[in-house]
């Protein structure tokens, strides 16, 4: 008869392995997308095209981010644009990343 604790340990090890494989795959895709984004940015720069998808970001959202109020910035962005929570969070985090604003 198999001890339940041994079976639980084996299951936990298998689950951990699956999670590691999935995380590795996601990390590779993120790295690939980051490289593609950098290439597109370089092409735009070389072509003399000024592309800033967030140029219309409301000033009060930027100010909230600079004060370290990320959640408030997300709320303000949602109010200003009417987008959903995920889209607002993604937009605010993109601004943080591009502008190196830390909360």
PDB file of N, CA and C in Angstrom:
ATOM      1  N   UNK A   1       0.835  -1.175   0.000  1.00  0.00           N
ATOM      2  CA  UNK A   1       0.000   0.000   0.000  1.00  0.00           C
ATOM      3  C   UNK A   1       0.891   1.254   0.000  1.00  0.00           C
ATOM      4  N   UNK A   2       0.532   2.238  -0.796  1.00  0.00           N
ATOM      5  CA  UNK A   2       1.327   3.458  -0.938  1.00  0.00           C
ATOM      6  C   UNK A   2       0.955   4.426   0.171  1.00  0.00           C
ATOM      7  N   UNK A   3       1.966   4.953   0.799  1.00  0.00           N
ATOM      8  CA  UNK A   3       1.762   5.945   1.848  1.00  0.00           C
ATOM      9  C   UNK A   3       1.205   7.222   1.212  1.00  0.00           C
ATOM     10  N   UNK A   4       0.168   7.801   1.808  1.00  0.00           N
ATOM     11  CA  UNK A   4      -0.461   9.008   1.247  1.00  0.00           C
ATOM     12  C   UNK A   4       0.494  10.186   1.189  1.00  0.00           C
ATOM     13  N   UNK A   5       1.380  10.288   2.147  1.00  0.00           N
ATOM     14  CA  UNK A   5       2.316  11.418   2.135  1.00  0.00           C
ATOM     15  C   UNK A   5       3.300  11.290   0.969  1.00  0.00           C
ATOM     16  N   UNK A   6       3.689  10.073   0.615  1.00  0.00           N
ATOM     17  CA  UNK A   6       4.577   9.864  -0.525  1.00  0.00           C
ATOM     18  C   UNK A   6       3.837  10.213  -1.818  1.00  0.00           C
ATOM     19  N   UNK A   7       2.587   9.777  -1.928  1.00  0.00           N
ATOM     20  CA  UNK A   7       1.792  10.078  -3.111  1.00  0.00           C
ATOM     21  C   UNK A   7       1.586  11.582  -3.250  1.00  0.00           C
ATOM     22  N   UNK A   8       1.315  12.256  -2.144  1.00  0.00           N
ATOM     23  CA  UNK A   8       1.124  13.706  -2.168  1.00  0.00           C
ATOM     24  C   UNK A   8       2.407  14.407  -2.584  1.00  0.00           C
ATOM     25  N   UNK A   9       3.536  13.919  -2.135  1.00  0.00           N
ATOM     26  CA  UNK A   9       4.820  14.508  -2.506  1.00  0.00           C
ATOM     27  C   UNK A   9       5.096  14.342  -3.998  1.00  0.00           C
ATOM     28  N   UNK A  10       4.759  13.177  -4.527  1.00  0.00           N
ATOM     29  CA  UNK A  10       4.965  12.931  -5.951  1.00  0.00           C
ATOM     30  C   UNK A  10       4.066  13.852  -6.777  1.00  0.00           C
ATOM     31  N   UNK A  11       2.817  13.974  -6.371  1.00  0.00           N
ATOM     32  CA  UNK A  11       1.889  14.865  -7.070  1.00  0.00           C
ATOM     33  C   UNK A  11       2.389  16.299  -7.007  1.00  0.00           C
ATOM     34  N   UNK A  12       2.844  16.735  -5.849  1.00  0.00           N
ATOM     35  CA  UNK A  12       3.353  18.100  -5.693  1.00  0.00           C
ATOM     36  C   UNK A  12       4.571  18.324  -6.579  1.00  0.00           C
ATOM     37  N   UNK A  13       5.444  17.327  -6.676  1.00  0.00           N
ATOM     38  CA  UNK A  13       6.635  17.458  -7.519  1.00  0.00           C
ATOM     39  C   UNK A  13       6.251  17.554  -8.999  1.00  0.00           C
ATOM     40  N   UNK A  14       5.279  16.764  -9.420  1.00  0.00           N
ATOM     41  CA  UNK A  14       4.827  16.803 -10.814  1.00  0.00           C
ATOM     42  C   UNK A  14       4.192  18.151 -11.130  1.00  0.00           C
ATOM     43  N   UNK A  15       3.357  18.640 -10.228  1.00  0.00           N
ATOM     44  CA  UNK A  15       2.717  19.940 -10.425  1.00  0.00           C
ATOM     45  C   UNK A  15       3.772  21.041 -10.493  1.00  0.00           C
ATOM     46  N   UNK A  16       4.762  20.989  -9.610  1.00  0.00           N
ATOM     47  CA  UNK A  16       5.831  21.992  -9.620  1.00  0.00           C
ATOM     48  C   UNK A  16       6.595  21.960 -10.941  1.00  0.00           C
ATOM     49  N   UNK A  17       6.847  20.771 -11.454  1.00  0.00           N
ATOM     50  CA  UNK A  17       7.552  20.636 -12.728  1.00  0.00           C
ATOM     51  C   UNK A  17       6.734  21.225 -13.866  1.00  0.00           C
ATOM     52  N   UNK A  18       5.448  20.948 -13.882  1.00  0.00           N
ATOM     53  CA  UNK A  18       4.566  21.496 -14.919  1.00  0.00           C
ATOM     54  C   UNK A  18       4.551  23.020 -14.863  1.00  0.00           C
ATOM     55  N   UNK A  19       4.457  23.575 -13.661  1.00  0.00           N
ATOM     56  CA  UNK A  19       4.445  25.029 -13.494  1.00  0.00           C
ATOM     57  C   UNK A  19       5.758  25.633 -13.998  1.00  0.00           C
ATOM     58  N   UNK A  20       6.883  24.988 -13.689  1.00  0.00           N
ATOM     59  CA  UNK A  20       8.176  25.493 -14.156  1.00  0.00           C
ATOM     60  C   UNK A  20       8.274  25.477 -15.678  1.00  0.00           C
ATOM     61  N   UNK A  21       7.783  24.435 -16.300  1.00  0.00           N
ATOM     62  CA  UNK A  21       7.805  24.346 -17.765  1.00  0.00           C
ATOM     63  C   UNK A  21       6.940  25.444 -18.370  1.00  0.00           C
ATOM     64  N   UNK A  22       5.745  25.651 -17.803  1.00  0.00           N
ATOM     65  CA  UNK A  22       4.855  26.694 -18.315  1.00  0.00           C
ATOM     66  C   UNK A  22       5.455  28.083 -18.129  1.00  0.00           C
ATOM     67  N   UNK A  23       6.060  28.332 -16.970  1.00  0.00           N
ATOM     68  CA  UNK A  23       6.690  29.630 -16.721  1.00  0.00           C
ATOM     69  C   UNK A  23       7.842  29.876 -17.682  1.00  0.00           C
ATOM     70  N   UNK A  24       8.595  28.851 -17.962  1.00  0.00           N
ATOM     71  CA  UNK A  24       9.703  28.987 -18.904  1.00  0.00           C
ATOM     72  C   UNK A  24       9.181  29.359 -20.286  1.00  0.00           C
ATOM     73  N   UNK A  25       8.098  28.726 -20.700  1.00  0.00           N
ATOM     74  CA  UNK A  25       7.506  29.029 -21.996  1.00  0.00           C
ATOM     75  C   UNK A  25       6.999  30.466 -22.053  1.00  0.00           C
ATOM     76  N   UNK A  26       6.336  30.900 -21.008  1.00  0.00           N
ATOM     77  CA  UNK A  26       5.826  32.273 -20.950  1.00  0.00           C
ATOM     78  C   UNK A  26       6.984  33.267 -20.967  1.00  0.00           C
ATOM     79  N   UNK A  27       8.034  32.967 -20.221  1.00  0.00           N
ATOM     80  CA  UNK A  27       9.192  33.860 -20.170  1.00  0.00           C
ATOM     81  C   UNK A  27       9.838  33.996 -21.554  1.00  0.00           C
ATOM     82  N   UNK A  28       9.929  32.896 -22.283  1.00  0.00           N
ATOM     83  CA  UNK A  28      10.496  32.944 -23.629  1.00  0.00           C
ATOM     84  C   UNK A  28       9.644  33.812 -24.548  1.00  0.00           C
ATOM     85  N   UNK A  29       8.336  33.691 -24.434  1.00  0.00           N
ATOM     86  CA  UNK A  29       7.444  34.504 -25.272  1.00  0.00           C
ATOM     87  C   UNK A  29       7.550  35.981 -24.923  1.00  0.00           C
ATOM     88  N   UNK A  30       7.640  36.286 -23.643  1.00  0.00           N
ATOM     89  CA  UNK A  30       7.781  37.683 -23.218  1.00  0.00           C
ATOM     90  C   UNK A  30       9.089  38.256 -23.750  1.00  0.00           C
ATOM     91  N   UNK A  31      10.164  37.495 -23.647  1.00  0.00           N
ATOM     92  CA  UNK A  31      11.452  37.963 -24.162  1.00  0.00           C
ATOM     93  C   UNK A  31      11.396  38.185 -25.670  1.00  0.00           C
ATOM     94  N   UNK A  32      10.735  37.290 -26.367  1.00  0.00           N
ATOM     95  CA  UNK A  32      10.600  37.432 -27.812  1.00  0.00           C
ATOM     96  C   UNK A  32       9.808  38.693 -28.163  1.00  0.00           C
ATOM     97  N   UNK A  33       8.719  38.923 -27.457  1.00  0.00           N
ATOM     98  CA  UNK A  33       7.918  40.127 -27.696  1.00  0.00           C
ATOM     99  C   UNK A  33       8.707  41.391 -27.364  1.00  0.00           C
ATOM    100  N   UNK A  34       9.490  41.350 -26.314  1.00  0.00           N
ATOM    101  CA  UNK A  34      10.303  42.516 -25.949  1.00  0.00           C
ATOM    102  C   UNK A  34      11.319  42.835 -27.048  1.00  0.00           C
ATOM    103  N   UNK A  35      11.928  41.792 -27.608  1.00  0.00           N
ATOM    104  CA  UNK A  35      12.887  42.019 -28.704  1.00  0.00           C
ATOM    105  C   UNK A  35      12.185  42.600 -29.926  1.00  0.00           C
ATOM    106  N   UNK A  36      11.002  42.073 -30.231  1.00  0.00           N
ATOM    107  CA  UNK A  36      10.249  42.602 -31.370  1.00  0.00           C
ATOM    108  C   UNK A  36       9.862  44.064 -31.145  1.00  0.00           C
ATOM    109  N   UNK A  37       9.437  44.384 -29.934  1.00  0.00           N
ATOM    110  CA  UNK A  37       9.067  45.765 -29.629  1.00  0.00           C
ATOM    111  C   UNK A  37      10.270  46.693 -29.786  1.00  0.00           C
ATOM    112  N   UNK A  38      11.427  46.252 -29.325  1.00  0.00           N
ATOM    113  CA  UNK A  38      12.636  47.068 -29.461  1.00  0.00           C
ATOM    114  C   UNK A  38      12.980  47.293 -30.939  1.00  0.00           C
ATOM    115  N   UNK A  39      12.805  46.261 -31.759  1.00  0.00           N
ATOM    116  CA  UNK A  39      13.091  46.394 -33.187  1.00  0.00           C
ATOM    117  C   UNK A  39      12.127  47.371 -33.858  1.00  0.00           C
ATOM    118  N   UNK A  40      10.850  47.267 -33.508  1.00  0.00           N
ATOM    119  CA  UNK A  40       9.860  48.188 -34.073  1.00  0.00           C
ATOM    120  C   UNK A  40      10.170  49.622 -33.640  1.00  0.00           C
ATOM    121  N   UNK A  41      10.526  49.804 -32.376  1.00  0.00           N
ATOM    122  CA  UNK A  41      10.887  51.138 -31.894  1.00  0.00           C
ATOM    123  C   UNK A  41      12.079  51.696 -32.675  1.00  0.00           C
ATOM    124  N   UNK A  42      13.069  50.858 -32.935  1.00  0.00           N
ATOM    125  CA  UNK A  42      14.242  51.291 -33.695  1.00  0.00           C
ATOM    126  C   UNK A  42      13.862  51.660 -35.127  1.00  0.00           C
ATOM    127  N   UNK A  43      13.022  50.839 -35.742  1.00  0.00           N
ATOM    128  CA  UNK A  43      12.574  51.148 -37.110  1.00  0.00           C
ATOM    129  C   UNK A  43      11.812  52.466 -37.160  1.00  0.00           C
ATOM    130  N   UNK A  44      10.934  52.702 -36.184  1.00  0.00           N
ATOM    131  CA  UNK A  44      10.193  53.966 -36.131  1.00  0.00           C
ATOM    132  C   UNK A  44      11.146  55.143 -35.969  1.00  0.00           C
ATOM    133  N   UNK A  45      12.131  54.968 -35.105  1.00  0.00           N
ATOM    134  CA  UNK A  45      13.099  56.046 -34.879  1.00  0.00           C
ATOM    135  C   UNK A  45      13.901  56.329 -36.156  1.00  0.00           C
ATOM    136  N   UNK A  46      14.364  55.268 -36.819  1.00  0.00           N
ATOM    137  CA  UNK A  46      15.138  55.435 -38.045  1.00  0.00           C
ATOM    138  C   UNK A  46      14.311  56.075 -39.160  1.00  0.00           C
ATOM    139  N   UNK A  47      13.004  55.815 -39.141  1.00  0.00           N
ATOM    140  CA  UNK A  47      12.118  56.387 -40.165  1.00  0.00           C
ATOM    141  C   UNK A  47      11.676  57.803 -39.805  1.00  0.00           C
ATOM    142  N   UNK A  48      12.067  58.256 -38.622  1.00  0.00           N
ATOM    143  CA  UNK A  48      11.693  59.601 -38.197  1.00  0.00           C
ATOM    144  C   UNK A  48      10.239  59.712 -37.783  1.00  0.00           C
ATOM    145  N   UNK A  49       9.661  58.599 -37.391  1.00  0.00           N
ATOM    146  CA  UNK A  49       8.260  58.592 -36.980  1.00  0.00           C
ATOM    147  C   UNK A  49       8.192  58.655 -35.462  1.00  0.00           C
ATOM    148  N   UNK A  50       7.477  59.660 -34.968  1.00  0.00           N
ATOM    149  CA  UNK A  50       7.306  59.810 -33.523  1.00  0.00           C
ATOM    150  C   UNK A  50       6.010  59.126 -33.123  1.00  0.00           C
ATOM    151  N   UNK A  51       6.128  57.958 -32.530  1.00  0.00           N
ATOM    152  CA  UNK A  51       4.948  57.193 -32.129  1.00  0.00           C
ATOM    153  C   UNK A  51       4.935  57.055 -30.624  1.00  0.00           C
ATOM    154  N   UNK A  52       3.926  57.603 -30.013  1.00  0.00           N
ATOM    155  CA  UNK A  52       3.737  57.480 -28.571  1.00  0.00           C
ATOM    156  C   UNK A  52       2.264  57.172 -28.318  1.00  0.00           C
ATOM    157  N   UNK A  53       1.937  55.910 -28.082  1.00  0.00           N
ATOM    158  CA  UNK A  53       0.531  55.555 -27.900  1.00  0.00           C
ATOM    159  C   UNK A  53      -0.083  56.153 -26.637  1.00  0.00           C
ATOM    160  N   UNK A  54       0.766  56.676 -25.772  1.00  0.00           N
ATOM    161  CA  UNK A  54       0.267  57.217 -24.513  1.00  0.00           C
ATOM    162  C   UNK A  54       0.414  58.727 -24.419  1.00  0.00           C
ATOM    163  N   UNK A  55       0.577  59.384 -25.556  1.00  0.00           N
ATOM    164  CA  UNK A  55       0.765  60.828 -25.531  1.00  0.00           C
ATOM    165  C   UNK A  55      -0.468  61.558 -24.998  1.00  0.00           C
ATOM    166  N   UNK A  56      -1.615  60.916 -25.107  1.00  0.00           N
ATOM    167  CA  UNK A  56      -2.849  61.521 -24.611  1.00  0.00           C
ATOM    168  C   UNK A  56      -3.194  61.077 -23.188  1.00  0.00           C
ATOM    169  N   UNK A  57      -2.227  60.497 -22.485  1.00  0.00           N
ATOM    170  CA  UNK A  57      -2.457  60.064 -21.103  1.00  0.00           C
ATOM    171  C   UNK A  57      -2.758  61.301 -20.258  1.00  0.00           C
ATOM    172  N   UNK A  58      -3.863  61.288 -19.539  1.00  0.00           N
ATOM    173  CA  UNK A  58      -4.216  62.441 -18.712  1.00  0.00           C
ATOM    174  C   UNK A  58      -3.106  62.771 -17.695  1.00  0.00           C
ATOM    175  N   UNK A  59      -2.839  64.055 -17.534  1.00  0.00           N
ATOM    176  CA  UNK A  59      -1.782  64.498 -16.616  1.00  0.00           C
ATOM    177  C   UNK A  59      -2.016  64.012 -15.193  1.00  0.00           C
ATOM    178  N   UNK A  60      -3.280  63.989 -14.748  1.00  0.00           N
ATOM    179  CA  UNK A  60      -3.536  63.586 -13.366  1.00  0.00           C
ATOM    180  C   UNK A  60      -3.211  62.107 -13.132  1.00  0.00           C
ATOM    181  N   UNK A  61      -3.234  61.302 -14.189  1.00  0.00           N
ATOM    182  CA  UNK A  61      -2.832  59.896 -14.058  1.00  0.00           C
ATOM    183  C   UNK A  61      -1.312  59.827 -13.864  1.00  0.00           C
ATOM    184  N   UNK A  62      -0.579  60.590 -14.653  1.00  0.00           N
ATOM    185  CA  UNK A  62       0.883  60.634 -14.521  1.00  0.00           C
ATOM    186  C   UNK A  62       1.283  61.147 -13.145  1.00  0.00           C
ATOM    187  N   UNK A  63       0.611  62.196 -12.684  1.00  0.00           N
ATOM    188  CA  UNK A  63       0.932  62.744 -11.364  1.00  0.00           C
ATOM    189  C   UNK A  63       0.682  61.727 -10.260  1.00  0.00           C
ATOM    190  N   UNK A  64      -0.410  60.971 -10.359  1.00  0.00           N
ATOM    191  CA  UNK A  64      -0.701  59.938  -9.364  1.00  0.00           C
ATOM    192  C   UNK A  64       0.411  58.887  -9.361  1.00  0.00           C
ATOM    193  N   UNK A  65       0.886  58.519 -10.540  1.00  0.00           N
ATOM    194  CA  UNK A  65       1.984  57.552 -10.621  1.00  0.00           C
ATOM    195  C   UNK A  65       3.258  58.103  -9.986  1.00  0.00           C
ATOM    196  N   UNK A  66       3.546  59.356 -10.249  1.00  0.00           N
ATOM    197  CA  UNK A  66       4.756  59.963  -9.666  1.00  0.00           C
ATOM    198  C   UNK A  66       4.680  60.056  -8.151  1.00  0.00           C
ATOM    199  N   UNK A  67       3.451  60.144  -7.629  1.00  0.00           N
ATOM    200  CA  UNK A  67       3.273  60.145  -6.160  1.00  0.00           C
ATOM    201  C   UNK A  67       3.308  58.732  -5.592  1.00  0.00           C
ATOM    202  N   UNK A  68       3.420  57.749  -6.466  1.00  0.00           N
ATOM    203  CA  UNK A  68       3.456  56.365  -6.010  1.00  0.00           C
ATOM    204  C   UNK A  68       2.081  55.767  -5.790  1.00  0.00           C
ATOM    205  N   UNK A  69       1.061  56.365  -6.377  1.00  0.00           N
ATOM    206  CA  UNK A  69      -0.322  55.927  -6.182  1.00  0.00           C
ATOM    207  C   UNK A  69      -0.815  55.178  -7.424  1.00  0.00           C
ATOM    208  N   UNK A  70      -0.297  53.978  -7.605  1.00  0.00           N
ATOM    209  CA  UNK A  70      -0.616  53.194  -8.795  1.00  0.00           C
ATOM    210  C   UNK A  70      -2.112  52.866  -8.877  1.00  0.00           C
ATOM    211  N   UNK A  71      -2.693  52.435  -7.787  1.00  0.00           N
ATOM    212  CA  UNK A  71      -4.117  52.081  -7.795  1.00  0.00           C
ATOM    213  C   UNK A  71      -4.963  53.302  -8.124  1.00  0.00           C
ATOM    214  N   UNK A  72      -4.620  54.436  -7.560  1.00  0.00           N
ATOM    215  CA  UNK A  72      -5.339  55.671  -7.863  1.00  0.00           C
ATOM    216  C   UNK A  72      -5.182  56.035  -9.336  1.00  0.00           C
ATOM    217  N   UNK A  73      -3.981  55.840  -9.869  1.00  0.00           N
ATOM    218  CA  UNK A  73      -3.740  56.133 -11.283  1.00  0.00           C
ATOM    219  C   UNK A  73      -4.621  55.250 -12.170  1.00  0.00           C
ATOM    220  N   UNK A  74      -4.763  53.994 -11.797  1.00  0.00           N
ATOM    221  CA  UNK A  74      -5.614  53.074 -12.562  1.00  0.00           C
ATOM    222  C   UNK A  74      -7.063  53.545 -12.504  1.00  0.00           C
ATOM    223  N   UNK A  75      -7.516  53.937 -11.317  1.00  0.00           N
ATOM    224  CA  UNK A  75      -8.890  54.438 -11.169  1.00  0.00           C
ATOM    225  C   UNK A  75      -9.108  55.685 -12.019  1.00  0.00           C
ATOM    226  N   UNK A  76      -8.157  56.603 -11.964  1.00  0.00           N
ATOM    227  CA  UNK A  76      -8.271  57.840 -12.728  1.00  0.00           C
ATOM    228  C   UNK A  76      -8.276  57.566 -14.237  1.00  0.00           C
ATOM    229  N   UNK A  77      -7.450  56.625 -14.662  1.00  0.00           N
ATOM    230  CA  UNK A  77      -7.401  56.279 -16.076  1.00  0.00           C
ATOM    231  C   UNK A  77      -8.733  55.681 -16.523  1.00  0.00           C
ATOM    232  N   UNK A  78      -9.295  54.824 -15.689  1.00  0.00           N
ATOM    233  CA  UNK A  78     -10.598  54.229 -16.028  1.00  0.00           C
ATOM    234  C   UNK A  78     -11.675  55.300 -16.141  1.00  0.00           C
ATOM    235  N   UNK A  79     -11.663  56.255 -15.193  1.00  0.00           N
ATOM    236  CA  UNK A  79     -12.658  57.334 -15.229  1.00  0.00           C
ATOM    237  C   UNK A  79     -12.497  58.186 -16.488  1.00  0.00           C
ATOM    238  N   UNK A  80     -11.250  58.452 -16.860  1.00  0.00           N
ATOM    239  CA  UNK A  80     -10.985  59.331 -17.998  1.00  0.00           C
ATOM    240  C   UNK A  80     -11.291  58.658 -19.335  1.00  0.00           C
ATOM    241  N   UNK A  81     -11.113  57.342 -19.404  1.00  0.00           N
ATOM    242  CA  UNK A  81     -11.234  56.665 -20.699  1.00  0.00           C
ATOM    243  C   UNK A  81     -12.433  55.732 -20.805  1.00  0.00           C
ATOM    244  N   UNK A  82     -12.943  55.289 -19.674  1.00  0.00           N
ATOM    245  CA  UNK A  82     -14.073  54.357 -19.696  1.00  0.00           C
ATOM    246  C   UNK A  82     -13.684  52.916 -19.995  1.00  0.00           C
ATOM    247  N   UNK A  83     -12.401  52.605 -19.947  1.00  0.00           N
ATOM    248  CA  UNK A  83     -11.958  51.241 -20.214  1.00  0.00           C
ATOM    249  C   UNK A  83     -12.152  50.363 -18.982  1.00  0.00           C
ATOM    250  N   UNK A  84     -11.995  49.068 -19.166  1.00  0.00           N
ATOM    251  CA  UNK A  84     -12.116  48.114 -18.066  1.00  0.00           C
ATOM    252  C   UNK A  84     -10.877  48.113 -17.188  1.00  0.00           C
ATOM    253  N   UNK A  85     -10.971  47.374 -16.095  1.00  0.00           N
ATOM    254  CA  UNK A  85      -9.898  47.333 -15.107  1.00  0.00           C
ATOM    255  C   UNK A  85      -8.600  46.791 -15.703  1.00  0.00           C
ATOM    256  N   UNK A  86      -8.661  45.691 -16.414  1.00  0.00           N
ATOM    257  CA  UNK A  86      -7.439  45.091 -16.964  1.00  0.00           C
ATOM    258  C   UNK A  86      -6.766  46.017 -17.960  1.00  0.00           C
ATOM    259  N   UNK A  87      -7.554  46.613 -18.847  1.00  0.00           N
ATOM    260  CA  UNK A  87      -6.970  47.516 -19.843  1.00  0.00           C
ATOM    261  C   UNK A  87      -6.341  48.736 -19.163  1.00  0.00           C
ATOM    262  N   UNK A  88      -7.003  49.263 -18.151  1.00  0.00           N
ATOM    263  CA  UNK A  88      -6.457  50.412 -17.421  1.00  0.00           C
ATOM    264  C   UNK A  88      -5.165  50.030 -16.701  1.00  0.00           C
ATOM    265  N   UNK A  89      -5.161  48.875 -16.057  1.00  0.00           N
ATOM    266  CA  UNK A  89      -3.955  48.413 -15.348  1.00  0.00           C
ATOM    267  C   UNK A  89      -2.812  48.235 -16.334  1.00  0.00           C
ATOM    268  N   UNK A  90      -3.089  47.602 -17.476  1.00  0.00           N
ATOM    269  CA  UNK A  90      -2.053  47.395 -18.483  1.00  0.00           C
ATOM    270  C   UNK A  90      -1.505  48.723 -19.006  1.00  0.00           C
ATOM    271  N   UNK A  91      -2.393  49.689 -19.239  1.00  0.00           N
ATOM    272  CA  UNK A  91      -1.968  50.996 -19.752  1.00  0.00           C
ATOM    273  C   UNK A  91      -1.097  51.724 -18.736  1.00  0.00           C
ATOM    274  N   UNK A  92      -1.513  51.709 -17.479  1.00  0.00           N
ATOM    275  CA  UNK A  92      -0.752  52.385 -16.423  1.00  0.00           C
ATOM    276  C   UNK A  92       0.609  51.714 -16.237  1.00  0.00           C
ATOM    277  N   UNK A  93       0.642  50.389 -16.262  1.00  0.00           N
ATOM    278  CA  UNK A  93       1.922  49.688 -16.107  1.00  0.00           C
ATOM    279  C   UNK A  93       2.840  49.928 -17.305  1.00  0.00           C
ATOM    280  N   UNK A  94       2.268  50.080 -18.476  1.00  0.00           N
ATOM    281  CA  UNK A  94       3.071  50.387 -19.660  1.00  0.00           C
ATOM    282  C   UNK A  94       3.694  51.779 -19.523  1.00  0.00           C
ATOM    283  N   UNK A  95       2.917  52.713 -19.032  1.00  0.00           N
ATOM    284  CA  UNK A  95       3.454  54.058 -18.795  1.00  0.00           C
ATOM    285  C   UNK A  95       4.578  53.999 -17.763  1.00  0.00           C
ATOM    286  N   UNK A  96       4.370  53.235 -16.714  1.00  0.00           N
ATOM    287  CA  UNK A  96       5.418  53.082 -15.700  1.00  0.00           C
ATOM    288  C   UNK A  96       6.695  52.544 -16.331  1.00  0.00           C
ATOM    289  N   UNK A  97       6.540  51.527 -17.153  1.00  0.00           N
ATOM    290  CA  UNK A  97       7.707  50.886 -17.760  1.00  0.00           C
ATOM    291  C   UNK A  97       8.414  51.826 -18.726  1.00  0.00           C
ATOM    292  N   UNK A  98       7.647  52.483 -19.576  1.00  0.00           N
ATOM    293  CA  UNK A  98       8.254  53.377 -20.586  1.00  0.00           C
ATOM    294  C   UNK A  98       8.888  54.599 -19.948  1.00  0.00           C
ATOM    295  N   UNK A  99       8.239  55.144 -18.929  1.00  0.00           N
ATOM    296  CA  UNK A  99       8.723  56.381 -18.320  1.00  0.00           C
ATOM    297  C   UNK A  99       9.587  56.108 -17.092  1.00  0.00           C
ATOM    298  N   UNK A 100       9.768  54.842 -16.747  1.00  0.00           N
ATOM    299  CA  UNK A 100      10.547  54.444 -15.577  1.00  0.00           C
ATOM    300  C   UNK A 100      10.011  55.114 -14.309  1.00  0.00           C
ATOM    301  N   UNK A 101       8.692  55.172 -14.190  1.00  0.00           N
ATOM    302  CA  UNK A 101       8.065  55.704 -12.980  1.00  0.00           C
ATOM    303  C   UNK A 101       7.863  54.541 -12.034  1.00  0.00           C
ATOM    304  N   UNK A 102       8.410  54.620 -10.869  1.00  0.00           N
ATOM    305  CA  UNK A 102       8.308  53.537  -9.887  1.00  0.00           C
ATOM    306  C   UNK A 102       7.337  53.896  -8.785  1.00  0.00           C
ATOM    307  N   UNK A 103       6.546  52.895  -8.387  1.00  0.00           N
ATOM    308  CA  UNK A 103       5.625  53.100  -7.253  1.00  0.00           C
ATOM    309  C   UNK A 103       6.110  52.348  -6.061  1.00  0.00           C
TER     310      UNK A 103
END
